[in-house]
């Protein structure tokens, strides 16, 4: 088995500073799911972690040329495939 082709799937909350990935899914329903998707956090979107607040909440992410922040409870709904 070639370990170079294995990609890690994690929740956005678990990403480290300066890590990059592709959104696989948004597992939130209702108003929260709609709000997350309205911000451009949709499957296939490329994101990177810009930084975190001193107490690690919220997290700043870079997507489509802009920076936005998400609370950790929102980031838990977003599954990401890490770029190698």
PDB file of N, CA and C in Angstrom:
ATOM      1  N   UNK A   1       0.845  -1.176   0.000  1.00  0.00           N
ATOM      2  CA  UNK A   1       0.000   0.000   0.000  1.00  0.00           C
ATOM      3  C   UNK A   1       0.892   1.242   0.000  1.00  0.00           C
ATOM      4  N   UNK A   2       0.572   2.201  -0.850  1.00  0.00           N
ATOM      5  CA  UNK A   2       1.343   3.434  -0.957  1.00  0.00           C
ATOM      6  C   UNK A   2       0.781   4.470   0.008  1.00  0.00           C
ATOM      7  N   UNK A   3       1.505   4.776   1.055  1.00  0.00           N
ATOM      8  CA  UNK A   3       1.018   5.700   2.072  1.00  0.00           C
ATOM      9  C   UNK A   3       0.977   7.140   1.592  1.00  0.00           C
ATOM     10  N   UNK A   4       1.632   7.462   0.497  1.00  0.00           N
ATOM     11  CA  UNK A   4       1.616   8.825  -0.025  1.00  0.00           C
ATOM     12  C   UNK A   4       0.233   9.213  -0.549  1.00  0.00           C
ATOM     13  N   UNK A   5      -0.593   8.225  -0.947  1.00  0.00           N
ATOM     14  CA  UNK A   5      -1.911   8.509  -1.502  1.00  0.00           C
ATOM     15  C   UNK A   5      -3.010   8.542  -0.452  1.00  0.00           C
ATOM     16  N   UNK A   6      -2.705   8.178   0.786  1.00  0.00           N
ATOM     17  CA  UNK A   6      -3.704   8.190   1.846  1.00  0.00           C
ATOM     18  C   UNK A   6      -3.878   9.622   2.335  1.00  0.00           C
ATOM     19  N   UNK A   7      -5.112  10.080   2.336  1.00  0.00           N
ATOM     20  CA  UNK A   7      -5.403  11.444   2.784  1.00  0.00           C
ATOM     21  C   UNK A   7      -6.122  11.388   4.129  1.00  0.00           C
ATOM     22  N   UNK A   8      -5.866  12.360   4.964  1.00  0.00           N
ATOM     23  CA  UNK A   8      -6.499  12.418   6.275  1.00  0.00           C
ATOM     24  C   UNK A   8      -7.810  13.178   6.195  1.00  0.00           C
ATOM     25  N   UNK A   9      -8.842  12.628   6.821  1.00  0.00           N
ATOM     26  CA  UNK A   9     -10.140  13.282   6.917  1.00  0.00           C
ATOM     27  C   UNK A   9     -10.360  13.654   8.373  1.00  0.00           C
ATOM     28  N   UNK A  10     -10.547  14.948   8.630  1.00  0.00           N
ATOM     29  CA  UNK A  10     -10.733  15.419  10.000  1.00  0.00           C
ATOM     30  C   UNK A  10     -11.769  16.545  10.004  1.00  0.00           C
ATOM     31  N   UNK A  11     -12.239  16.877  11.199  1.00  0.00           N
ATOM     32  CA  UNK A  11     -13.116  18.031  11.354  1.00  0.00           C
ATOM     33  C   UNK A  11     -12.271  19.300  11.228  1.00  0.00           C
ATOM     34  N   UNK A  12     -12.845  20.346  10.677  1.00  0.00           N
ATOM     35  CA  UNK A  12     -12.121  21.609  10.504  1.00  0.00           C
ATOM     36  C   UNK A  12     -11.523  22.085  11.829  1.00  0.00           C
ATOM     37  N   UNK A  13     -12.227  21.864  12.916  1.00  0.00           N
ATOM     38  CA  UNK A  13     -11.747  22.292  14.236  1.00  0.00           C
ATOM     39  C   UNK A  13     -10.379  21.703  14.573  1.00  0.00           C
ATOM     40  N   UNK A  14     -10.074  20.509  14.056  1.00  0.00           N
ATOM     41  CA  UNK A  14      -8.833  19.808  14.389  1.00  0.00           C
ATOM     42  C   UNK A  14      -7.641  20.239  13.539  1.00  0.00           C
ATOM     43  N   UNK A  15      -7.865  21.067  12.539  1.00  0.00           N
ATOM     44  CA  UNK A  15      -6.765  21.510  11.687  1.00  0.00           C
ATOM     45  C   UNK A  15      -5.822  22.421  12.463  1.00  0.00           C
ATOM     46  N   UNK A  16      -4.569  22.379  12.084  1.00  0.00           N
ATOM     47  CA  UNK A  16      -3.532  23.205  12.711  1.00  0.00           C
ATOM     48  C   UNK A  16      -3.314  24.489  11.906  1.00  0.00           C
ATOM     49  N   UNK A  17      -2.677  25.478  12.521  1.00  0.00           N
ATOM     50  CA  UNK A  17      -2.348  26.727  11.825  1.00  0.00           C
ATOM     51  C   UNK A  17      -1.564  26.431  10.548  1.00  0.00           C
ATOM     52  N   UNK A  18      -1.909  27.134   9.487  1.00  0.00           N
ATOM     53  CA  UNK A  18      -1.279  27.042   8.166  1.00  0.00           C
ATOM     54  C   UNK A  18      -1.538  25.735   7.436  1.00  0.00           C
ATOM     55  N   UNK A  19      -2.380  24.855   7.978  1.00  0.00           N
ATOM     56  CA  UNK A  19      -2.746  23.636   7.257  1.00  0.00           C
ATOM     57  C   UNK A  19      -3.757  23.992   6.180  1.00  0.00           C
ATOM     58  N   UNK A  20      -3.711  23.228   5.077  1.00  0.00           N
ATOM     59  CA  UNK A  20      -4.626  23.433   3.965  1.00  0.00           C
ATOM     60  C   UNK A  20      -5.446  22.174   3.748  1.00  0.00           C
ATOM     61  N   UNK A  21      -6.651  22.355   3.220  1.00  0.00           N
ATOM     62  CA  UNK A  21      -7.492  21.208   2.938  1.00  0.00           C
ATOM     63  C   UNK A  21      -8.636  21.555   2.013  1.00  0.00           C
ATOM     64  N   UNK A  22      -9.399  20.525   1.680  1.00  0.00           N
ATOM     65  CA  UNK A  22     -10.574  20.652   0.829  1.00  0.00           C
ATOM     66  C   UNK A  22     -11.782  20.205   1.646  1.00  0.00           C
ATOM     67  N   UNK A  23     -12.842  20.984   1.633  1.00  0.00           N
ATOM     68  CA  UNK A  23     -14.049  20.618   2.366  1.00  0.00           C
ATOM     69  C   UNK A  23     -14.700  19.413   1.693  1.00  0.00           C
ATOM     70  N   UNK A  24     -14.965  18.380   2.486  1.00  0.00           N
ATOM     71  CA  UNK A  24     -15.635  17.180   1.998  1.00  0.00           C
ATOM     72  C   UNK A  24     -17.142  17.257   2.202  1.00  0.00           C
ATOM     73  N   UNK A  25     -17.557  17.724   3.386  1.00  0.00           N
ATOM     74  CA  UNK A  25     -18.984  17.784   3.688  1.00  0.00           C
ATOM     75  C   UNK A  25     -19.256  18.785   4.798  1.00  0.00           C
ATOM     76  N   UNK A  26     -20.500  19.261   4.808  1.00  0.00           N
ATOM     77  CA  UNK A  26     -21.005  20.098   5.891  1.00  0.00           C
ATOM     78  C   UNK A  26     -22.166  19.321   6.494  1.00  0.00           C
ATOM     79  N   UNK A  27     -21.992  18.858   7.724  1.00  0.00           N
ATOM     80  CA  UNK A  27     -22.953  17.957   8.359  1.00  0.00           C
ATOM     81  C   UNK A  27     -23.906  18.681   9.292  1.00  0.00           C
ATOM     82  N   UNK A  28     -24.259  19.906   8.961  1.00  0.00           N
ATOM     83  CA  UNK A  28     -25.210  20.677   9.757  1.00  0.00           C
ATOM     84  C   UNK A  28     -26.496  20.835   8.949  1.00  0.00           C
ATOM     85  N   UNK A  29     -27.617  20.787   9.646  1.00  0.00           N
ATOM     86  CA  UNK A  29     -28.916  20.962   9.012  1.00  0.00           C
ATOM     87  C   UNK A  29     -29.538  22.277   9.445  1.00  0.00           C
ATOM     88  N   UNK A  30     -30.654  22.605   8.842  1.00  0.00           N
ATOM     89  CA  UNK A  30     -31.418  23.763   9.267  1.00  0.00           C
ATOM     90  C   UNK A  30     -30.689  25.077   9.059  1.00  0.00           C
ATOM     91  N   UNK A  31     -30.970  26.000   9.947  1.00  0.00           N
ATOM     92  CA  UNK A  31     -30.425  27.361   9.848  1.00  0.00           C
ATOM     93  C   UNK A  31     -28.902  27.382   9.893  1.00  0.00           C
ATOM     94  N   UNK A  32     -28.304  26.579  10.791  1.00  0.00           N
ATOM     95  CA  UNK A  32     -26.842  26.583  10.879  1.00  0.00           C
ATOM     96  C   UNK A  32     -26.215  26.061   9.591  1.00  0.00           C
ATOM     97  N   UNK A  33     -26.725  24.986   9.048  1.00  0.00           N
ATOM     98  CA  UNK A  33     -26.207  24.445   7.792  1.00  0.00           C
ATOM     99  C   UNK A  33     -26.311  25.453   6.659  1.00  0.00           C
ATOM    100  N   UNK A  34     -27.448  26.141   6.567  1.00  0.00           N
ATOM    101  CA  UNK A  34     -27.634  27.145   5.528  1.00  0.00           C
ATOM    102  C   UNK A  34     -26.651  28.301   5.698  1.00  0.00           C
ATOM    103  N   UNK A  35     -26.474  28.741   6.933  1.00  0.00           N
ATOM    104  CA  UNK A  35     -25.558  29.860   7.204  1.00  0.00           C
ATOM    105  C   UNK A  35     -24.122  29.502   6.854  1.00  0.00           C
ATOM    106  N   UNK A  36     -23.697  28.290   7.227  1.00  0.00           N
ATOM    107  CA  UNK A  36     -22.336  27.844   6.913  1.00  0.00           C
ATOM    108  C   UNK A  36     -22.132  27.804   5.402  1.00  0.00           C
ATOM    109  N   UNK A  37     -23.091  27.233   4.677  1.00  0.00           N
ATOM    110  CA  UNK A  37     -22.987  27.150   3.212  1.00  0.00           C
ATOM    111  C   UNK A  37     -23.027  28.536   2.568  1.00  0.00           C
ATOM    112  N   UNK A  38     -23.833  29.441   3.115  1.00  0.00           N
ATOM    113  CA  UNK A  38     -23.912  30.808   2.581  1.00  0.00           C
ATOM    114  C   UNK A  38     -22.578  31.541   2.674  1.00  0.00           C
ATOM    115  N   UNK A  39     -21.741  31.161   3.625  1.00  0.00           N
ATOM    116  CA  UNK A  39     -20.430  31.786   3.773  1.00  0.00           C
ATOM    117  C   UNK A  39     -19.412  31.227   2.779  1.00  0.00           C
ATOM    118  N   UNK A  40     -19.834  30.264   1.952  1.00  0.00           N
ATOM    119  CA  UNK A  40     -18.938  29.682   0.958  1.00  0.00           C
ATOM    120  C   UNK A  40     -18.274  28.399   1.397  1.00  0.00           C
ATOM    121  N   UNK A  41     -18.630  27.910   2.575  1.00  0.00           N
ATOM    122  CA  UNK A  41     -18.059  26.670   3.089  1.00  0.00           C
ATOM    123  C   UNK A  41     -18.867  25.500   2.536  1.00  0.00           C
ATOM    124  N   UNK A  42     -18.524  25.104   1.314  1.00  0.00           N
ATOM    125  CA  UNK A  42     -19.245  24.060   0.597  1.00  0.00           C
ATOM    126  C   UNK A  42     -18.265  22.975   0.162  1.00  0.00           C
ATOM    127  N   UNK A  43     -18.755  21.754  -0.051  1.00  0.00           N
ATOM    128  CA  UNK A  43     -17.863  20.683  -0.512  1.00  0.00           C
ATOM    129  C   UNK A  43     -17.098  21.089  -1.770  1.00  0.00           C
ATOM    130  N   UNK A  44     -15.796  20.790  -1.764  1.00  0.00           N
ATOM    131  CA  UNK A  44     -14.918  21.111  -2.880  1.00  0.00           C
ATOM    132  C   UNK A  44     -14.139  22.404  -2.703  1.00  0.00           C
ATOM    133  N   UNK A  45     -14.546  23.232  -1.736  1.00  0.00           N
ATOM    134  CA  UNK A  45     -13.853  24.503  -1.500  1.00  0.00           C
ATOM    135  C   UNK A  45     -12.517  24.261  -0.808  1.00  0.00           C
ATOM    136  N   UNK A  46     -11.491  24.982  -1.248  1.00  0.00           N
ATOM    137  CA  UNK A  46     -10.160  24.903  -0.659  1.00  0.00           C
ATOM    138  C   UNK A  46     -10.066  25.908   0.486  1.00  0.00           C
ATOM    139  N   UNK A  47      -9.555  25.462   1.633  1.00  0.00           N
ATOM    140  CA  UNK A  47      -9.424  26.343   2.801  1.00  0.00           C
ATOM    141  C   UNK A  47      -8.047  26.191   3.422  1.00  0.00           C
ATOM    142  N   UNK A  48      -7.676  27.187   4.208  1.00  0.00           N
ATOM    143  CA  UNK A  48      -6.465  27.096   5.024  1.00  0.00           C
ATOM    144  C   UNK A  48      -6.737  27.773   6.357  1.00  0.00           C
ATOM    145  N   UNK A  49      -6.043  27.313   7.378  1.00  0.00           N
ATOM    146  CA  UNK A  49      -6.198  27.881   8.719  1.00  0.00           C
ATOM    147  C   UNK A  49      -5.221  29.042   8.859  1.00  0.00           C
ATOM    148  N   UNK A  50      -5.751  30.221   9.151  1.00  0.00           N
ATOM    149  CA  UNK A  50      -4.933  31.426   9.303  1.00  0.00           C
ATOM    150  C   UNK A  50      -4.453  31.608  10.734  1.00  0.00           C
ATOM    151  N   UNK A  51      -5.252  31.181  11.695  1.00  0.00           N
ATOM    152  CA  UNK A  51      -4.856  31.331  13.091  1.00  0.00           C
ATOM    153  C   UNK A  51      -6.039  31.118  14.013  1.00  0.00           C
ATOM    154  N   UNK A  52      -5.770  31.217  15.294  1.00  0.00           N
ATOM    155  CA  UNK A  52      -6.803  31.025  16.313  1.00  0.00           C
ATOM    156  C   UNK A  52      -6.672  32.101  17.377  1.00  0.00           C
ATOM    157  N   UNK A  53      -7.773  32.357  18.033  1.00  0.00           N
ATOM    158  CA  UNK A  53      -7.776  33.284  19.161  1.00  0.00           C
ATOM    159  C   UNK A  53      -6.967  32.673  20.305  1.00  0.00           C
ATOM    160  N   UNK A  54      -6.551  33.471  21.279  1.00  0.00           N
ATOM    161  CA  UNK A  54      -5.724  32.960  22.380  1.00  0.00           C
ATOM    162  C   UNK A  54      -6.313  31.748  23.108  1.00  0.00           C
ATOM    163  N   UNK A  55      -7.618  31.652  23.228  1.00  0.00           N
ATOM    164  CA  UNK A  55      -8.232  30.491  23.885  1.00  0.00           C
ATOM    165  C   UNK A  55      -8.724  29.471  22.858  1.00  0.00           C
ATOM    166  N   UNK A  56      -8.203  29.547  21.617  1.00  0.00           N
ATOM    167  CA  UNK A  56      -8.468  28.621  20.513  1.00  0.00           C
ATOM    168  C   UNK A  56      -9.893  28.667  19.960  1.00  0.00           C
ATOM    169  N   UNK A  57     -10.651  29.685  20.300  1.00  0.00           N
ATOM    170  CA  UNK A  57     -11.992  29.835  19.766  1.00  0.00           C
ATOM    171  C   UNK A  57     -12.258  31.324  19.623  1.00  0.00           C
ATOM    172  N   UNK A  58     -12.507  31.841  18.457  1.00  0.00           N
ATOM    173  CA  UNK A  58     -12.778  31.176  17.186  1.00  0.00           C
ATOM    174  C   UNK A  58     -11.508  30.882  16.388  1.00  0.00           C
ATOM    175  N   UNK A  59     -11.718  30.238  15.230  1.00  0.00           N
ATOM    176  CA  UNK A  59     -10.648  29.915  14.298  1.00  0.00           C
ATOM    177  C   UNK A  59     -10.823  30.790  13.056  1.00  0.00           C
ATOM    178  N   UNK A  60      -9.715  31.344  12.554  1.00  0.00           N
ATOM    179  CA  UNK A  60      -9.746  32.163  11.331  1.00  0.00           C
ATOM    180  C   UNK A  60      -9.338  31.281  10.161  1.00  0.00           C
ATOM    181  N   UNK A  61     -10.177  31.265   9.130  1.00  0.00           N
ATOM    182  CA  UNK A  61      -9.872  30.458   7.950  1.00  0.00           C
ATOM    183  C   UNK A  61      -9.856  31.339   6.715  1.00  0.00           C
ATOM    184  N   UNK A  62      -9.083  30.915   5.751  1.00  0.00           N
ATOM    185  CA  UNK A  62      -8.962  31.618   4.462  1.00  0.00           C
ATOM    186  C   UNK A  62      -9.676  30.776   3.419  1.00  0.00           C
ATOM    187  N   UNK A  63     -10.624  31.394   2.705  1.00  0.00           N
ATOM    188  CA  UNK A  63     -11.389  30.699   1.676  1.00  0.00           C
ATOM    189  C   UNK A  63     -11.756  31.695   0.585  1.00  0.00           C
ATOM    190  N   UNK A  64     -11.564  31.307  -0.660  1.00  0.00           N
ATOM    191  CA  UNK A  64     -11.926  32.121  -1.829  1.00  0.00           C
ATOM    192  C   UNK A  64     -11.396  33.562  -1.740  1.00  0.00           C
ATOM    193  N   UNK A  65     -10.187  33.726  -1.207  1.00  0.00           N
ATOM    194  CA  UNK A  65      -9.567  35.043  -1.171  1.00  0.00           C
ATOM    195  C   UNK A  65      -9.973  35.927  -0.016  1.00  0.00           C
ATOM    196  N   UNK A  66     -10.766  35.438   0.919  1.00  0.00           N
ATOM    197  CA  UNK A  66     -11.101  36.252   2.084  1.00  0.00           C
ATOM    198  C   UNK A  66     -10.928  35.435   3.350  1.00  0.00           C
ATOM    199  N   UNK A  67     -10.885  36.133   4.478  1.00  0.00           N
ATOM    200  CA  UNK A  67     -10.732  35.483   5.779  1.00  0.00           C
ATOM    201  C   UNK A  67     -12.033  35.599   6.541  1.00  0.00           C
ATOM    202  N   UNK A  68     -12.452  34.503   7.149  1.00  0.00           N
ATOM    203  CA  UNK A  68     -13.620  34.537   8.022  1.00  0.00           C
ATOM    204  C   UNK A  68     -13.316  33.746   9.269  1.00  0.00           C
ATOM    205  N   UNK A  69     -14.100  33.986  10.299  1.00  0.00           N
ATOM    206  CA  UNK A  69     -13.901  33.266  11.554  1.00  0.00           C
ATOM    207  C   UNK A  69     -15.123  32.418  11.856  1.00  0.00           C
ATOM    208  N   UNK A  70     -14.862  31.279  12.463  1.00  0.00           N
ATOM    209  CA  UNK A  70     -15.911  30.351  12.880  1.00  0.00           C
ATOM    210  C   UNK A  70     -15.670  29.951  14.322  1.00  0.00           C
ATOM    211  N   UNK A  71     -16.731  29.788  15.049  1.00  0.00           N
ATOM    212  CA  UNK A  71     -16.637  29.212  16.387  1.00  0.00           C
ATOM    213  C   UNK A  71     -16.342  27.721  16.236  1.00  0.00           C
ATOM    214  N   UNK A  72     -15.706  27.154  17.228  1.00  0.00           N
ATOM    215  CA  UNK A  72     -15.381  25.732  17.176  1.00  0.00           C
ATOM    216  C   UNK A  72     -16.634  24.864  17.045  1.00  0.00           C
ATOM    217  N   UNK A  73     -17.735  25.256  17.690  1.00  0.00           N
ATOM    218  CA  UNK A  73     -18.936  24.435  17.576  1.00  0.00           C
ATOM    219  C   UNK A  73     -19.477  24.439  16.143  1.00  0.00           C
ATOM    220  N   UNK A  74     -19.213  25.481  15.359  1.00  0.00           N
ATOM    221  CA  UNK A  74     -19.590  25.511  13.949  1.00  0.00           C
ATOM    222  C   UNK A  74     -18.591  24.693  13.120  1.00  0.00           C
ATOM    223  N   UNK A  75     -17.318  24.805  13.440  1.00  0.00           N
ATOM    224  CA  UNK A  75     -16.268  24.094  12.707  1.00  0.00           C
ATOM    225  C   UNK A  75     -16.391  22.583  12.864  1.00  0.00           C
ATOM    226  N   UNK A  76     -17.015  22.126  13.942  1.00  0.00           N
ATOM    227  CA  UNK A  76     -17.202  20.686  14.160  1.00  0.00           C
ATOM    228  C   UNK A  76     -18.066  20.043  13.080  1.00  0.00           C
ATOM    229  N   UNK A  77     -18.915  20.795  12.414  1.00  0.00           N
ATOM    230  CA  UNK A  77     -19.813  20.265  11.398  1.00  0.00           C
ATOM    231  C   UNK A  77     -19.156  20.102  10.024  1.00  0.00           C
ATOM    232  N   UNK A  78     -17.934  20.609   9.871  1.00  0.00           N
ATOM    233  CA  UNK A  78     -17.287  20.647   8.564  1.00  0.00           C
ATOM    234  C   UNK A  78     -16.161  19.613   8.517  1.00  0.00           C
ATOM    235  N   UNK A  79     -16.283  18.660   7.611  1.00  0.00           N
ATOM    236  CA  UNK A  79     -15.256  17.626   7.435  1.00  0.00           C
ATOM    237  C   UNK A  79     -14.333  18.040   6.285  1.00  0.00           C
ATOM    238  N   UNK A  80     -13.030  17.854   6.507  1.00  0.00           N
ATOM    239  CA  UNK A  80     -12.009  18.334   5.583  1.00  0.00           C
ATOM    240  C   UNK A  80     -11.052  17.197   5.245  1.00  0.00           C
ATOM    241  N   UNK A  81     -10.605  17.177   3.993  1.00  0.00           N
ATOM    242  CA  UNK A  81      -9.535  16.285   3.579  1.00  0.00           C
ATOM    243  C   UNK A  81      -8.274  17.126   3.512  1.00  0.00           C
ATOM    244  N   UNK A  82      -7.267  16.760   4.295  1.00  0.00           N
ATOM    245  CA  UNK A  82      -6.027  17.545   4.349  1.00  0.00           C
ATOM    246  C   UNK A  82      -5.231  17.405   3.065  1.00  0.00           C
ATOM    247  N   UNK A  83      -4.611  18.489   2.650  1.00  0.00           N
ATOM    248  CA  UNK A  83      -3.682  18.443   1.514  1.00  0.00           C
ATOM    249  C   UNK A  83      -2.341  17.942   2.033  1.00  0.00           C
ATOM    250  N   UNK A  84      -1.666  17.156   1.203  1.00  0.00           N
ATOM    251  CA  UNK A  84      -0.386  16.596   1.649  1.00  0.00           C
ATOM    252  C   UNK A  84       0.745  17.579   1.490  1.00  0.00           C
TER     253      UNK A  84
END
